[in-house]
Each structure stands twice: as structure tokens, then as C-alpha cells.
Protein backbone atom coordinates (compact mmCIF):
# COMPACT_ATOMS: atom_id res chain seq x y z
CA MET A 1 0.02 0.03 0.01
CA SER A 2 1.39 3.42 -1.03
CA ASP A 3 2.05 6.28 1.43
CA ALA A 4 -0.93 8.18 -0.23
CA GLU A 5 -3.28 5.26 0.39
CA THR A 6 -2.23 4.89 4.06
CA ALA A 7 -2.74 8.62 4.60
CA ARG A 8 -6.33 8.47 3.51
CA ARG A 9 -8.92 9.32 6.15
CA ARG A 10 -11.80 7.05 6.87
CA LEU A 11 -15.13 7.25 8.61
CA VAL A 12 -17.02 4.14 9.83
CA VAL A 13 -20.71 4.52 10.30
CA LEU A 14 -22.05 1.81 12.64
CA ARG A 15 -25.71 1.11 13.36
CA HIS A 16 -26.52 -0.06 16.91
CA GLY A 17 -27.33 -3.62 18.01
CA GLU A 18 -30.84 -5.01 18.10
CA THR A 19 -33.43 -3.93 20.66
CA ASP A 20 -36.66 -5.70 21.62
CA ALA A 21 -38.41 -2.91 19.70
CA ASN A 22 -36.44 -3.69 16.49
CA ALA A 23 -37.38 -7.37 16.87
CA ALA A 24 -41.08 -6.34 17.29
CA GLY A 25 -41.03 -4.07 14.24
CA VAL A 26 -41.64 -0.90 16.33
CA TRP A 27 -40.82 2.55 15.06
CA GLN A 28 -38.33 3.70 17.80
CA GLY A 29 -37.27 7.06 16.49
CA GLN A 30 -35.79 8.94 19.40
CA LEU A 31 -37.34 6.77 22.09
CA ASP A 32 -34.50 5.57 24.31
CA HIS A 33 -34.43 1.76 24.39
CA GLU A 34 -31.87 -0.67 25.72
CA LEU A 35 -30.14 -3.37 23.65
CA SER A 36 -31.60 -6.78 23.87
CA ALA A 37 -29.42 -9.79 24.74
CA ARG A 38 -28.97 -10.40 21.09
CA GLY A 39 -28.14 -6.79 20.55
CA HIS A 40 -25.42 -6.98 23.20
CA ALA A 41 -23.99 -10.06 21.54
CA GLN A 42 -24.07 -8.32 18.14
CA ALA A 43 -22.27 -5.31 19.52
CA LYS A 44 -19.44 -7.37 21.01
CA ALA A 45 -19.01 -9.43 17.83
CA ALA A 46 -18.95 -6.20 15.64
CA ALA A 47 -16.40 -4.69 18.01
CA ARG A 48 -14.00 -7.60 17.53
CA VAL A 49 -14.24 -7.29 13.77
CA LEU A 50 -13.93 -3.43 13.83
CA THR A 51 -10.61 -3.51 15.65
CA ALA A 52 -9.06 -4.26 12.33
CA LEU A 53 -10.03 -0.76 11.04
CA ALA A 54 -8.19 0.75 14.07
CA PRO A 55 -10.48 3.69 14.77
CA SER A 56 -8.76 6.37 16.90
CA ARG A 57 -12.05 7.38 18.65
CA VAL A 58 -15.72 6.79 18.68
CA VAL A 59 -18.57 9.31 18.60
CA ALA A 60 -21.91 7.92 19.56
CA SER A 61 -25.48 9.02 19.70
CA ASP A 62 -26.55 9.65 23.23
CA LEU A 63 -29.48 7.26 22.91
CA ARG A 64 -28.50 4.14 24.96
CA ARG A 65 -28.77 1.58 22.18
CA ALA A 66 -26.09 3.40 20.11
CA HIS A 67 -24.09 4.59 23.08
CA VAL A 68 -23.65 1.05 24.42
CA THR A 69 -22.77 -0.25 21.00
CA GLY A 70 -20.18 2.40 20.60
CA GLN A 71 -18.82 1.68 24.09
CA ASP A 72 -18.16 -1.96 23.13
CA VAL A 73 -16.15 -0.84 20.08
CA ALA A 74 -14.23 1.80 22.04
CA GLN A 75 -13.33 -0.72 24.71
CA ALA A 76 -12.28 -3.39 22.16
CA CYS A 77 -10.03 -0.84 20.35
CA GLY A 78 -8.79 0.92 23.51
CA VAL A 79 -9.93 4.30 22.30
CA PRO A 80 -12.02 7.16 23.85
CA ILE A 81 -15.73 7.65 23.25
CA SER A 82 -17.84 10.80 23.25
CA THR A 83 -21.54 11.33 22.70
CA ASP A 84 -23.38 13.83 20.52
CA PRO A 85 -27.18 14.14 20.28
CA ARG A 86 -26.96 15.13 16.60
CA LEU A 87 -26.37 11.42 15.90
CA ARG A 88 -29.78 10.50 17.26
CA GLU A 89 -32.28 8.59 15.09
CA ILE A 90 -34.82 10.40 13.01
CA HIS A 91 -37.66 11.74 15.14
CA ALA A 92 -40.72 9.81 13.93
CA GLY A 93 -43.34 12.04 15.63
CA ALA A 94 -46.59 10.25 16.31
CA TRP A 95 -45.25 7.02 14.89
CA GLN A 96 -42.84 6.49 17.71
CA GLY A 97 -43.82 3.45 19.72
CA LEU A 98 -46.17 2.07 17.03
CA THR A 99 -45.55 -1.07 15.05
CA GLY A 100 -45.29 -0.89 11.26
CA ALA A 101 -48.72 -2.54 11.06
CA GLU A 102 -50.20 0.10 13.40
CA VAL A 103 -48.66 2.92 11.37
CA ARG A 104 -50.14 1.40 8.19
CA GLU A 105 -53.59 1.12 9.78
CA GLN A 106 -53.61 4.66 11.35
CA TYR A 107 -51.73 6.57 8.71
CA PRO A 108 -52.38 4.82 5.34
CA GLU A 109 -51.89 7.87 3.17
CA ASP A 110 -48.54 8.62 4.82
CA MET A 111 -47.45 4.98 4.31
CA GLU A 112 -48.27 5.27 0.63
CA ARG A 113 -46.18 8.42 0.39
CA LEU A 114 -43.26 6.70 2.18
CA LEU A 115 -43.45 3.74 -0.17
CA ARG A 116 -43.40 6.10 -3.16
CA GLY A 117 -40.13 7.53 -1.86
CA GLU A 118 -41.47 10.98 -0.77
CA ASP A 119 -39.66 12.83 1.91
CA PHE A 120 -41.90 14.33 4.54
CA ALA A 121 -42.02 14.84 8.39
CA ARG A 122 -42.55 11.39 9.93
CA GLY A 123 -45.59 11.09 12.11
CA GLY A 124 -46.81 14.61 11.43
CA ASP A 125 -44.51 16.51 13.77
CA GLY A 126 -41.34 14.47 13.35
CA GLU A 127 -38.35 14.93 11.01
CA SER A 128 -37.87 14.38 7.27
CA ILE A 129 -34.74 12.88 5.79
CA ALA A 130 -33.71 16.37 4.74
CA ASP A 131 -34.08 17.47 8.36
CA VAL A 132 -31.77 14.59 9.47
CA ALA A 133 -29.14 15.56 6.96
CA THR A 134 -29.25 19.16 8.09
CA ARG A 135 -29.00 18.15 11.70
CA VAL A 136 -26.04 15.70 11.28
CA ARG A 137 -24.02 17.51 8.57
CA PRO A 138 -22.28 19.97 10.95
CA LEU A 139 -21.17 17.12 13.16
CA VAL A 140 -19.68 15.24 10.19
CA GLU A 141 -17.95 18.45 9.07
CA GLU A 142 -16.43 19.05 12.49
CA THR A 143 -15.31 15.47 12.74
CA VAL A 144 -13.64 15.49 9.40
CA ALA A 145 -11.99 18.82 10.03
CA ALA A 146 -10.32 17.47 13.19
CA MET A 147 -9.03 14.24 11.60
CA ALA A 148 -5.35 13.82 10.83
CA PRO A 149 -4.08 12.16 7.59
CA GLY A 150 -4.71 8.37 7.78
CA GLU A 151 -7.05 8.64 10.79
CA CYS A 152 -10.22 6.55 11.15
CA VAL A 153 -13.15 7.75 13.28
CA LEU A 154 -16.23 5.59 14.08
CA LEU A 155 -19.71 7.14 14.41
CA ALA A 156 -22.09 4.80 16.34
CA THR A 157 -25.61 5.84 15.32
CA HIS A 158 -28.96 4.57 13.97
CA GLY A 159 -30.32 3.07 10.72
CA VAL A 160 -31.86 6.12 9.19
CA THR A 161 -29.36 8.68 10.46
CA GLY A 162 -26.39 6.53 9.53
CA ARG A 163 -27.34 6.04 5.90
CA THR A 164 -28.47 9.64 5.56
CA LEU A 165 -25.19 11.05 6.76
CA ALA A 166 -23.11 8.66 4.62
CA VAL A 167 -25.12 9.47 1.43
CA ASP A 168 -24.91 13.21 2.23
CA LEU A 169 -21.17 13.08 2.67
CA VAL A 170 -20.50 11.51 -0.75
CA GLY A 171 -23.00 13.82 -2.45
CA LEU A 172 -25.57 11.27 -3.61
CA ASP A 173 -29.28 12.07 -4.06
CA GLN A 174 -31.05 10.97 -0.90
CA GLN A 175 -34.24 9.78 -2.70
CA LEU A 176 -32.24 7.76 -5.25
CA SER A 177 -30.13 6.23 -2.58
CA TRP A 178 -33.18 5.02 -0.65
CA ARG A 179 -34.35 3.18 -3.68
CA ALA A 180 -30.94 1.76 -4.64
CA LEU A 181 -29.20 0.98 -1.37
CA GLY A 182 -30.40 -1.38 1.26
CA GLY A 183 -31.09 -0.24 4.82
CA LEU A 184 -28.43 -0.81 7.49
CA ARG A 185 -29.02 -3.98 9.50
CA ASN A 186 -28.49 -3.99 13.26
CA CYS A 187 -24.72 -3.79 14.05
CA HIS A 188 -23.76 -3.42 10.37
CA TRP A 189 -21.70 -0.55 9.09
CA ILE A 190 -20.57 1.61 6.20
CA VAL A 191 -16.94 2.46 5.51
CA LEU A 192 -16.25 5.79 3.79
CA GLU A 193 -12.85 6.86 2.52
CA GLU A 194 -11.54 10.27 1.46
CA GLY A 195 -10.04 10.22 -2.08
CA ARG A 196 -8.65 12.90 -4.34
CA ALA A 197 -12.01 13.95 -5.57
CA GLY A 198 -13.88 13.71 -2.23
CA TRP A 199 -15.46 10.99 0.00
CA ARG A 200 -16.56 7.69 -1.46
CA ILE A 201 -18.25 4.49 -0.17
CA LEU A 202 -15.89 1.64 0.20
CA GLU A 203 -18.17 -0.79 2.01
CA TRP A 204 -21.96 -0.81 2.64
CA ASN A 205 -23.95 -2.85 5.17
CA VAL A 206 -21.05 -4.90 6.34
CA GLY A 207 -21.33 -6.94 9.53
CA ALA A 208 -19.62 -9.73 11.49
CA LEU A 209 -19.62 -13.03 9.68
CA ALA A 210 -22.41 -14.62 11.86
CA ASP A 211 -25.21 -13.23 14.00
CA PRO A 212 -24.08 -14.34 17.46
CA ASP A 213 -26.22 -16.41 19.81
CA PRO A 214 -27.15 -14.30 22.85
CA SER A 215 -26.48 -17.30 25.13
CA GLU A 216 -22.81 -16.89 24.25
CA LEU A 217 -22.83 -13.31 25.60
CA VAL A 218 -20.32 -12.77 28.35
CA ILE A 219 -20.92 -9.73 30.66
CA ALA A 220 -17.61 -8.24 31.59
């Protein structure tokens, strides 16, 4: 690998591990849920794999499911962690706490708009994808501005926020990306690298090789 390649900066955007609400198909938004036993196991498995990318620090959403996931990575890599509320999940307004089926039943017109790829405030008084991009962009800019050549920083966040900030950083159209790119699975990540012409996606929706059995979880 050339000196120029080793000096390239990288961002890793990691979605949190599974919660019971994820498993039940509930719209969490900015509700603050704990990781499930499987989520804890996923986070520890992901942390072991992510040590190979040698992040220098972790910045996490202050919502517990992302913060705890980020803590596992920081501990495995021996690096500091900080939190920032700008990495929170999209606020889903009145949809928060409802299952997908309940949202379809109570807000059928909105669900049709969502399936057509329209961007609008979720749950009436929540955020749109454009709102999320506006919220998280300054954090990404601050993070990148503080990075040294060759440095890797990991952002522990949420599914919608993670893919939104990654797409925004590389300059892709948000609506097109939602049609063309799959959603981030629990404890999967995106790797972004800075090249000569700007940031690019190196890896998308990558995870540990196997979803761990929560019975194998060891609480340190």
C-alpha cells in the first residue's frame, strides 16, 4: 500500500445492535431503548471485527442503544468515546412506539407516500430525511476537520441517520439512494474513505460473519 493510500482518512458509520423494539417491528425514532441480549452479543461481535479498522476514537448518539454499542467498540479498540445528540435517530413524531402494522392502519396515506419515496415529516410533527441531513451535517464536518491524515473515526448511530449522513457526505441524491441501497441492519456498518475527488463509499452494510447467539454473551 502506498503512502498516499495509508494517509487516506476513513469514517466508519455503525448502526446499533438489536433492541426488543427492533425485533417487534416498532418505530423507535428517538425513544430511548436498551439493547436486547442479542443486541449486546451483536455489538461485541462487531467490536471484535472493527478493531481491524483501528479507529482512533468513537463518537456515539446519546441514545442508549447506540451509546452502548459504541462503548463496546471503544473498549475493544482501546480508544475514547464521546456522545453527541446530533447522531440520534430520525424523530418519527406520532409514529414512535407504534408497530409498522399500526402505522399502516392509522396513517395509510402517509405510508403510501413513504413507499413512493417521498420525503416528509414522519408522524406529522417528526423529522424528514432532509431534516436529519441538516442536523447531522455539521457534526460530520467538525469530525472530518479534526481528523489527521490516515485517521479513522467511528460514528455509532442509527439506521436512518447513519445512511443519511453517509449519502450526504458522498453527495448522492437521498431519494435515489433510498431506492438503490439497502437499509443498514443491526450492528452493520458503512466504510467511507476520502479520495482525491472527495469522499466515497468503500463498503456498505457490512457486519460480523455470523449473527451471534445471545447465550454466548459474556458480561464483563
